[in-house]
Amino acid sequence: MNELLIRCRLGDIMKERGLQNKDVVALTGVSRNTITSLAGNATKRIDYDTLGALCNGLDVTPGDLLEYMPQSKKSR
């Protein structure tokens, strides 16, 4: 069975828009530590409240922020 990988695109969106962590904090109200973790894909989950704040503050949808990337089958 293939493992699923969901990647957060926050770091990509920040680069595309020339935003720094402090800018995203100001736009969304999400903590700096959370922004840093999400932008670096160093987290395993995201709360709905956080996802909603990011979508609202950055004018994006969850589909813009989260990317589904199936992994190939592992060798046996």
C-alpha atoms as a PDB file:
ATOM      1  CA  MET A   1       0.000   0.000   0.000  1.00  0.00           C
ATOM      2  CA  ASN A   2       1.257   3.492  -0.814  1.00  0.00           C
ATOM      3  CA  GLU A   3       1.924   5.905   2.018  1.00  0.00           C
ATOM      4  CA  LEU A   4       0.323   9.300   1.749  1.00  0.00           C
ATOM      5  CA  LEU A   5       2.155  12.549   2.168  1.00  0.00           C
ATOM      6  CA  ILE A   6       0.444  15.867   2.626  1.00  0.00           C
ATOM      7  CA  ARG A   7       2.793  18.804   2.187  1.00  0.00           C
ATOM      8  CA  CYS A   8       2.073  22.310   3.417  1.00  0.00           C
ATOM      9  CA  ARG A   9       2.769  24.920   0.733  1.00  0.00           C
ATOM     10  CA  LEU A  10       2.915  27.872   3.149  1.00  0.00           C
ATOM     11  CA  GLY A  11       6.656  28.331   2.603  1.00  0.00           C
ATOM     12  CA  ASP A  12       6.141  28.380  -1.179  1.00  0.00           C
ATOM     13  CA  ILE A  13       3.316  30.906  -0.902  1.00  0.00           C
ATOM     14  CA  MET A  14       5.431  33.104   1.358  1.00  0.00           C
ATOM     15  CA  LYS A  15       8.310  33.058  -1.139  1.00  0.00           C
ATOM     16  CA  GLU A  16       5.993  33.799  -4.071  1.00  0.00           C
ATOM     17  CA  ARG A  17       4.549  36.812  -2.241  1.00  0.00           C
ATOM     18  CA  GLY A  18       7.770  38.015  -0.630  1.00  0.00           C
ATOM     19  CA  LEU A  19       6.378  37.491   2.864  1.00  0.00           C
ATOM     20  CA  GLN A  20       8.369  36.874   6.010  1.00  0.00           C
ATOM     21  CA  ASN A  21       7.158  35.040   9.117  1.00  0.00           C
ATOM     22  CA  LYS A  22       6.313  38.315  10.860  1.00  0.00           C
ATOM     23  CA  ASP A  23       4.153  39.363   7.882  1.00  0.00           C
ATOM     24  CA  VAL A  24       2.138  36.140   8.018  1.00  0.00           C
ATOM     25  CA  VAL A  25       1.756  36.487  11.800  1.00  0.00           C
ATOM     26  CA  ALA A  26       0.367  40.005  11.297  1.00  0.00           C
ATOM     27  CA  LEU A  27      -2.014  38.891   8.519  1.00  0.00           C
ATOM     28  CA  THR A  28      -3.318  35.765  10.230  1.00  0.00           C
ATOM     29  CA  GLY A  29      -2.831  36.021  13.987  1.00  0.00           C
ATOM     30  CA  VAL A  30      -1.185  32.584  13.936  1.00  0.00           C
ATOM     31  CA  SER A  31       1.848  32.268  16.231  1.00  0.00           C
ATOM     32  CA  ARG A  32       5.349  32.688  14.838  1.00  0.00           C
ATOM     33  CA  ASN A  33       6.321  29.176  15.981  1.00  0.00           C
ATOM     34  CA  THR A  34       3.385  27.650  14.121  1.00  0.00           C
ATOM     35  CA  ILE A  35       4.176  29.642  10.965  1.00  0.00           C
ATOM     36  CA  THR A  36       7.814  28.524  11.135  1.00  0.00           C
ATOM     37  CA  SER A  37       6.834  24.864  11.563  1.00  0.00           C
ATOM     38  CA  LEU A  38       4.249  24.915   8.776  1.00  0.00           C
ATOM     39  CA  ALA A  39       6.448  26.837   6.344  1.00  0.00           C
ATOM     40  CA  GLY A  40       9.255  24.321   6.896  1.00  0.00           C
ATOM     41  CA  ASN A  41       6.964  21.267   6.759  1.00  0.00           C
ATOM     42  CA  ALA A  42       8.149  20.357  10.240  1.00  0.00           C
ATOM     43  CA  THR A  43       4.712  19.520  11.621  1.00  0.00           C
ATOM     44  CA  LYS A  44       2.498  16.469  11.391  1.00  0.00           C
ATOM     45  CA  ARG A  45      -0.885  18.175  11.833  1.00  0.00           C
ATOM     46  CA  ILE A  46      -2.738  21.442  11.473  1.00  0.00           C
ATOM     47  CA  ASP A  47      -5.753  22.573  13.490  1.00  0.00           C
ATOM     48  CA  TYR A  48      -8.866  23.710  11.637  1.00  0.00           C
ATOM     49  CA  ASP A  49      -8.678  27.085  13.386  1.00  0.00           C
ATOM     50  CA  THR A  50      -5.120  27.574  12.151  1.00  0.00           C
ATOM     51  CA  LEU A  51      -6.025  26.464   8.640  1.00  0.00           C
ATOM     52  CA  GLY A  52      -8.980  28.863   8.636  1.00  0.00           C
ATOM     53  CA  ALA A  53      -6.862  31.779   9.869  1.00  0.00           C
ATOM     54  CA  LEU A  54      -4.245  31.135   7.170  1.00  0.00           C
ATOM     55  CA  CYS A  55      -6.895  30.889   4.448  1.00  0.00           C
ATOM     56  CA  ASN A  56      -8.606  34.068   5.611  1.00  0.00           C
ATOM     57  CA  GLY A  57      -5.438  36.107   6.145  1.00  0.00           C
ATOM     58  CA  LEU A  58      -3.686  35.020   2.955  1.00  0.00           C
ATOM     59  CA  ASP A  59      -6.839  34.830   0.799  1.00  0.00           C
ATOM     60  CA  VAL A  60      -6.215  31.204  -0.191  1.00  0.00           C
ATOM     61  CA  THR A  61      -8.148  27.942   0.051  1.00  0.00           C
ATOM     62  CA  PRO A  62      -7.109  24.788   1.932  1.00  0.00           C
ATOM     63  CA  GLY A  63      -6.320  23.300  -1.483  1.00  0.00           C
ATOM     64  CA  ASP A  64      -3.838  26.117  -2.093  1.00  0.00           C
ATOM     65  CA  LEU A  65      -2.104  25.430   1.223  1.00  0.00           C
ATOM     66  CA  LEU A  66      -2.074  21.641   1.257  1.00  0.00           C
ATOM     67  CA  GLU A  67      -0.639  19.439  -1.471  1.00  0.00           C
ATOM     68  CA  TYR A  68      -1.249  15.701  -1.776  1.00  0.00           C
ATOM     69  CA  MET A  69       1.854  13.815  -2.866  1.00  0.00           C
ATOM     70  CA  PRO A  70       1.524  10.022  -3.110  1.00  0.00           C
ATOM     71  CA  GLN A  71       4.760   8.144  -2.557  1.00  0.00           C
ATOM     72  CA  SER A  72       5.836   5.242  -4.714  1.00  0.00           C
ATOM     73  CA  LYS A  73       5.651   1.732  -3.294  1.00  0.00           C
ATOM     74  CA  LYS A  74       8.497   0.813  -1.005  1.00  0.00           C
ATOM     75  CA  SER A  75      10.819  -1.992  -1.985  1.00  0.00           C
ATOM     76  CA  ARG A  76      10.078  -5.246  -0.212  1.00  0.00           C
END
